[in-house]
């Protein structure tokens, strides 16, 4: 499965500053890419700025088509800032994933969600410094005949489902 992550080689977030009269402005740009390095558009990114463990500011915005999100803190007080960045993925239903097994002729042998019902709700999954990946599991308990099979895992994010497949041989 393609995982969304922040493109940042040294894990530091740098801010530009601009002074306008007595006010300081902090600017930064975050880029969100998949595991192949391709930009992800329309992914919601949250950035939290902490100042001296006393004050904090939360910003949330969607990434542009090039995967970038720009954040600005206007009238920024002087001090040492700490930053936390999260990638928020919106999900349209209570079903956030699915698994499918297909045989060599691409016939569906099994689908985890078959015969299940899911509520129509908006949920969210958060990827960030302390939660760098999301894992889903399902168990197939029937027996597969000898042959080759494709197993696909699907993450059902709103407007951007992501999937990854592996091929196995059953002897």
C-alpha atoms as a PDB file:
ATOM      1  CA  UNK A   1       0.000   0.000   0.000  1.00  0.00           C
ATOM      2  CA  UNK A   2       1.301   3.462  -0.798  1.00  0.00           C
ATOM      3  CA  UNK A   3       1.879   5.281   2.456  1.00  0.00           C
ATOM      4  CA  UNK A   4       1.574   9.039   2.672  1.00  0.00           C
ATOM      5  CA  UNK A   5       4.515  10.704   4.316  1.00  0.00           C
ATOM      6  CA  UNK A   6       6.166  14.073   4.602  1.00  0.00           C
ATOM      7  CA  UNK A   7       9.015  14.780   2.224  1.00  0.00           C
ATOM      8  CA  UNK A   8      11.679  15.992   4.592  1.00  0.00           C
ATOM      9  CA  UNK A   9      15.129  14.431   4.471  1.00  0.00           C
ATOM     10  CA  UNK A  10      16.401  15.549   7.858  1.00  0.00           C
ATOM     11  CA  UNK A  11      13.092  15.514   9.781  1.00  0.00           C
ATOM     12  CA  UNK A  12      13.432  19.219  10.588  1.00  0.00           C
ATOM     13  CA  UNK A  13      10.838  21.780   9.606  1.00  0.00           C
ATOM     14  CA  UNK A  14      12.287  25.131   8.611  1.00  0.00           C
ATOM     15  CA  UNK A  15      10.451  28.440   8.796  1.00  0.00           C
ATOM     16  CA  UNK A  16      11.098  31.649   6.915  1.00  0.00           C
ATOM     17  CA  UNK A  17      10.497  34.879   8.778  1.00  0.00           C
ATOM     18  CA  UNK A  18       9.376  38.251   7.569  1.00  0.00           C
ATOM     19  CA  UNK A  19       9.072  41.416   9.561  1.00  0.00           C
ATOM     20  CA  UNK A  20       6.287  43.885   8.780  1.00  0.00           C
ATOM     21  CA  UNK A  21       6.494  46.840  11.118  1.00  0.00           C
ATOM     22  CA  UNK A  22       6.579  45.511  14.698  1.00  0.00           C
ATOM     23  CA  UNK A  23       5.164  42.103  13.648  1.00  0.00           C
ATOM     24  CA  UNK A  24       7.005  38.869  12.826  1.00  0.00           C
ATOM     25  CA  UNK A  25       5.509  36.386  10.361  1.00  0.00           C
ATOM     26  CA  UNK A  26       6.551  32.708  10.187  1.00  0.00           C
ATOM     27  CA  UNK A  27       6.156  30.808   6.893  1.00  0.00           C
ATOM     28  CA  UNK A  28       6.698  27.160   6.040  1.00  0.00           C
ATOM     29  CA  UNK A  29       5.775  24.754   3.261  1.00  0.00           C
ATOM     30  CA  UNK A  30       5.105  21.050   3.841  1.00  0.00           C
ATOM     31  CA  UNK A  31       5.130  18.573   0.937  1.00  0.00           C
ATOM     32  CA  UNK A  32       3.206  15.285   1.161  1.00  0.00           C
ATOM     33  CA  UNK A  33       4.302  12.405  -1.076  1.00  0.00           C
ATOM     34  CA  UNK A  34       3.512   8.709  -1.377  1.00  0.00           C
ATOM     35  CA  UNK A  35       6.071   5.946  -0.826  1.00  0.00           C
ATOM     36  CA  UNK A  36       7.224   6.351  -4.441  1.00  0.00           C
ATOM     37  CA  UNK A  37       7.937  10.068  -3.957  1.00  0.00           C
ATOM     38  CA  UNK A  38       4.921  11.203  -6.014  1.00  0.00           C
ATOM     39  CA  UNK A  39       3.034  14.220  -4.632  1.00  0.00           C
ATOM     40  CA  UNK A  40      -0.369  13.639  -3.023  1.00  0.00           C
ATOM     41  CA  UNK A  41      -2.959  16.323  -3.665  1.00  0.00           C
ATOM     42  CA  UNK A  42      -6.075  16.965  -1.588  1.00  0.00           C
ATOM     43  CA  UNK A  43      -4.591  15.344   1.506  1.00  0.00           C
ATOM     44  CA  UNK A  44      -5.443  17.221   4.679  1.00  0.00           C
ATOM     45  CA  UNK A  45      -2.380  18.302   6.674  1.00  0.00           C
ATOM     46  CA  UNK A  46      -2.411  19.601  10.230  1.00  0.00           C
ATOM     47  CA  UNK A  47       0.486  21.525  11.735  1.00  0.00           C
ATOM     48  CA  UNK A  48       0.701  22.439  15.403  1.00  0.00           C
ATOM     49  CA  UNK A  49       3.173  25.062  16.598  1.00  0.00           C
ATOM     50  CA  UNK A  50       4.172  25.124  20.250  1.00  0.00           C
ATOM     51  CA  UNK A  51       5.913  28.116  21.815  1.00  0.00           C
ATOM     52  CA  UNK A  52       7.897  27.614  25.007  1.00  0.00           C
ATOM     53  CA  UNK A  53       5.447  24.897  26.176  1.00  0.00           C
ATOM     54  CA  UNK A  54       2.864  27.602  26.898  1.00  0.00           C
ATOM     55  CA  UNK A  55       1.172  28.704  23.672  1.00  0.00           C
ATOM     56  CA  UNK A  56       0.127  26.683  20.641  1.00  0.00           C
ATOM     57  CA  UNK A  57      -1.477  27.269  17.251  1.00  0.00           C
ATOM     58  CA  UNK A  58      -3.252  24.695  15.053  1.00  0.00           C
ATOM     59  CA  UNK A  59      -3.483  25.009  11.280  1.00  0.00           C
ATOM     60  CA  UNK A  60      -5.204  22.614   8.876  1.00  0.00           C
ATOM     61  CA  UNK A  61      -5.196  22.816   5.097  1.00  0.00           C
ATOM     62  CA  UNK A  62      -5.466  20.574   2.023  1.00  0.00           C
ATOM     63  CA  UNK A  63      -2.409  19.911  -0.142  1.00  0.00           C
ATOM     64  CA  UNK A  64      -2.296  21.501  -3.593  1.00  0.00           C
ATOM     65  CA  UNK A  65      -1.886  19.446  -6.793  1.00  0.00           C
ATOM     66  CA  UNK A  66       1.901  19.387  -6.256  1.00  0.00           C
ATOM     67  CA  UNK A  67       1.473  17.974  -2.730  1.00  0.00           C
ATOM     68  CA  UNK A  68       2.446  21.214  -0.975  1.00  0.00           C
ATOM     69  CA  UNK A  69       0.708  22.995   1.858  1.00  0.00           C
ATOM     70  CA  UNK A  70       1.773  26.469   2.969  1.00  0.00           C
ATOM     71  CA  UNK A  71       1.318  27.676   6.525  1.00  0.00           C
ATOM     72  CA  UNK A  72       1.746  31.185   7.940  1.00  0.00           C
ATOM     73  CA  UNK A  73       1.692  32.376  11.538  1.00  0.00           C
ATOM     74  CA  UNK A  74       0.995  36.095  11.521  1.00  0.00           C
ATOM     75  CA  UNK A  75       2.171  38.283  14.388  1.00  0.00           C
ATOM     76  CA  UNK A  76       4.376  35.480  15.682  1.00  0.00           C
ATOM     77  CA  UNK A  77       5.842  36.080  19.126  1.00  0.00           C
ATOM     78  CA  UNK A  78       9.605  35.678  19.504  1.00  0.00           C
ATOM     79  CA  UNK A  79      10.778  32.429  21.033  1.00  0.00           C
ATOM     80  CA  UNK A  80      11.684  28.798  20.424  1.00  0.00           C
ATOM     81  CA  UNK A  81       9.004  26.868  18.536  1.00  0.00           C
ATOM     82  CA  UNK A  82       8.380  23.126  18.417  1.00  0.00           C
ATOM     83  CA  UNK A  83       6.312  21.696  15.574  1.00  0.00           C
ATOM     84  CA  UNK A  84       4.125  18.624  15.079  1.00  0.00           C
ATOM     85  CA  UNK A  85       2.797  17.725  11.620  1.00  0.00           C
ATOM     86  CA  UNK A  86      -0.003  15.212  10.996  1.00  0.00           C
ATOM     87  CA  UNK A  87      -1.472  13.913   7.753  1.00  0.00           C
ATOM     88  CA  UNK A  88      -5.238  13.510   8.115  1.00  0.00           C
ATOM     89  CA  UNK A  89      -7.033  11.169   5.728  1.00  0.00           C
ATOM     90  CA  UNK A  90     -10.806  11.447   5.513  1.00  0.00           C
ATOM     91  CA  UNK A  91     -12.937   8.330   5.191  1.00  0.00           C
ATOM     92  CA  UNK A  92     -16.580   8.408   4.015  1.00  0.00           C
ATOM     93  CA  UNK A  93     -17.859   5.329   5.845  1.00  0.00           C
ATOM     94  CA  UNK A  94     -17.083   3.237   8.873  1.00  0.00           C
ATOM     95  CA  UNK A  95     -15.271   0.921   6.426  1.00  0.00           C
ATOM     96  CA  UNK A  96     -11.736   2.233   6.062  1.00  0.00           C
ATOM     97  CA  UNK A  97     -10.182  -0.799   4.335  1.00  0.00           C
ATOM     98  CA  UNK A  98     -10.871  -3.935   2.337  1.00  0.00           C
ATOM     99  CA  UNK A  99      -9.015  -7.066   1.222  1.00  0.00           C
ATOM    100  CA  UNK A 100      -9.639  -9.041  -1.988  1.00  0.00           C
ATOM    101  CA  UNK A 101      -8.315 -12.398  -3.209  1.00  0.00           C
ATOM    102  CA  UNK A 102      -8.466 -13.092  -6.964  1.00  0.00           C
ATOM    103  CA  UNK A 103      -7.504 -16.225  -8.873  1.00  0.00           C
ATOM    104  CA  UNK A 104      -5.367 -16.428 -12.036  1.00  0.00           C
ATOM    105  CA  UNK A 105      -8.323 -15.481 -14.243  1.00  0.00           C
ATOM    106  CA  UNK A 106      -8.987 -12.400 -12.063  1.00  0.00           C
ATOM    107  CA  UNK A 107     -12.139 -13.946 -10.613  1.00  0.00           C
ATOM    108  CA  UNK A 108     -12.865 -12.713  -7.126  1.00  0.00           C
ATOM    109  CA  UNK A 109     -12.455 -15.625  -4.718  1.00  0.00           C
ATOM    110  CA  UNK A 110     -12.980 -13.671  -1.510  1.00  0.00           C
ATOM    111  CA  UNK A 111     -13.667 -10.118  -0.376  1.00  0.00           C
ATOM    112  CA  UNK A 112     -13.364  -9.245   3.301  1.00  0.00           C
ATOM    113  CA  UNK A 113     -16.273  -6.764   3.187  1.00  0.00           C
ATOM    114  CA  UNK A 114     -18.718  -9.026   1.296  1.00  0.00           C
ATOM    115  CA  UNK A 115     -22.057  -9.293   3.082  1.00  0.00           C
ATOM    116  CA  UNK A 116     -21.071  -6.600   5.607  1.00  0.00           C
ATOM    117  CA  UNK A 117     -22.832  -3.307   6.180  1.00  0.00           C
ATOM    118  CA  UNK A 118     -21.050  -0.060   7.029  1.00  0.00           C
ATOM    119  CA  UNK A 119     -22.401   3.183   8.456  1.00  0.00           C
ATOM    120  CA  UNK A 120     -22.228   6.362   6.358  1.00  0.00           C
ATOM    121  CA  UNK A 121     -20.045   8.487   8.594  1.00  0.00           C
ATOM    122  CA  UNK A 122     -17.046  10.727   8.084  1.00  0.00           C
ATOM    123  CA  UNK A 123     -14.029   9.525   9.978  1.00  0.00           C
ATOM    124  CA  UNK A 124     -10.362  10.310   9.917  1.00  0.00           C
ATOM    125  CA  UNK A 125      -7.049   8.491  10.214  1.00  0.00           C
ATOM    126  CA  UNK A 126      -3.979  10.413  11.355  1.00  0.00           C
ATOM    127  CA  UNK A 127      -0.426   9.826  10.187  1.00  0.00           C
ATOM    128  CA  UNK A 128       2.248  11.766  12.016  1.00  0.00           C
ATOM    129  CA  UNK A 129       5.537  11.549  13.895  1.00  0.00           C
ATOM    130  CA  UNK A 130       4.192   9.126  16.488  1.00  0.00           C
ATOM    131  CA  UNK A 131       1.884   7.213  14.115  1.00  0.00           C
ATOM    132  CA  UNK A 132       3.860   6.652  10.905  1.00  0.00           C
ATOM    133  CA  UNK A 133       1.772   3.823   9.499  1.00  0.00           C
ATOM    134  CA  UNK A 134      -1.667   2.293   9.801  1.00  0.00           C
ATOM    135  CA  UNK A 135      -2.075  -1.498   9.746  1.00  0.00           C
ATOM    136  CA  UNK A 136      -5.251  -3.401   8.917  1.00  0.00           C
ATOM    137  CA  UNK A 137      -5.629  -7.171   9.093  1.00  0.00           C
ATOM    138  CA  UNK A 138      -8.180  -9.710   7.963  1.00  0.00           C
ATOM    139  CA  UNK A 139      -8.246 -13.491   8.103  1.00  0.00           C
ATOM    140  CA  UNK A 140      -9.253 -15.807   5.271  1.00  0.00           C
ATOM    141  CA  UNK A 141     -10.245 -19.152   6.777  1.00  0.00           C
ATOM    142  CA  UNK A 142     -11.298 -21.185   3.723  1.00  0.00           C
ATOM    143  CA  UNK A 143      -8.898 -23.366   1.741  1.00  0.00           C
ATOM    144  CA  UNK A 144      -7.486 -22.176  -1.595  1.00  0.00           C
ATOM    145  CA  UNK A 145      -6.932 -24.636  -4.455  1.00  0.00           C
ATOM    146  CA  UNK A 146      -3.460 -24.954  -5.968  1.00  0.00           C
ATOM    147  CA  UNK A 147      -2.604 -22.041  -8.233  1.00  0.00           C
ATOM    148  CA  UNK A 148      -1.616 -18.389  -8.280  1.00  0.00           C
ATOM    149  CA  UNK A 149      -3.579 -15.686  -6.477  1.00  0.00           C
ATOM    150  CA  UNK A 150      -3.491 -11.929  -6.197  1.00  0.00           C
ATOM    151  CA  UNK A 151      -4.177 -10.448  -2.751  1.00  0.00           C
ATOM    152  CA  UNK A 152      -5.058  -6.771  -2.696  1.00  0.00           C
ATOM    153  CA  UNK A 153      -5.347  -4.483   0.315  1.00  0.00           C
ATOM    154  CA  UNK A 154      -7.298  -1.267  -0.189  1.00  0.00           C
ATOM    155  CA  UNK A 155      -7.296   1.849   2.007  1.00  0.00           C
ATOM    156  CA  UNK A 156     -10.606   3.611   1.296  1.00  0.00           C
ATOM    157  CA  UNK A 157      -9.665   7.248   1.813  1.00  0.00           C
ATOM    158  CA  UNK A 158     -12.156   9.819   0.547  1.00  0.00           C
ATOM    159  CA  UNK A 159     -11.378  10.783  -3.064  1.00  0.00           C
ATOM    160  CA  UNK A 160      -8.069   8.888  -2.930  1.00  0.00           C
ATOM    161  CA  UNK A 161      -8.337   5.158  -2.344  1.00  0.00           C
ATOM    162  CA  UNK A 162      -4.908   3.521  -2.225  1.00  0.00           C
ATOM    163  CA  UNK A 163      -4.145  -0.126  -2.816  1.00  0.00           C
ATOM    164  CA  UNK A 164      -1.298  -2.558  -3.066  1.00  0.00           C
ATOM    165  CA  UNK A 165      -1.216  -6.163  -4.253  1.00  0.00           C
ATOM    166  CA  UNK A 166       0.971  -9.212  -3.815  1.00  0.00           C
ATOM    167  CA  UNK A 167       0.935 -12.469  -5.760  1.00  0.00           C
ATOM    168  CA  UNK A 168       1.163 -15.846  -4.050  1.00  0.00           C
ATOM    169  CA  UNK A 169       1.359 -19.444  -5.174  1.00  0.00           C
ATOM    170  CA  UNK A 170      -0.603 -22.141  -3.364  1.00  0.00           C
ATOM    171  CA  UNK A 171       0.817 -25.653  -3.837  1.00  0.00           C
END
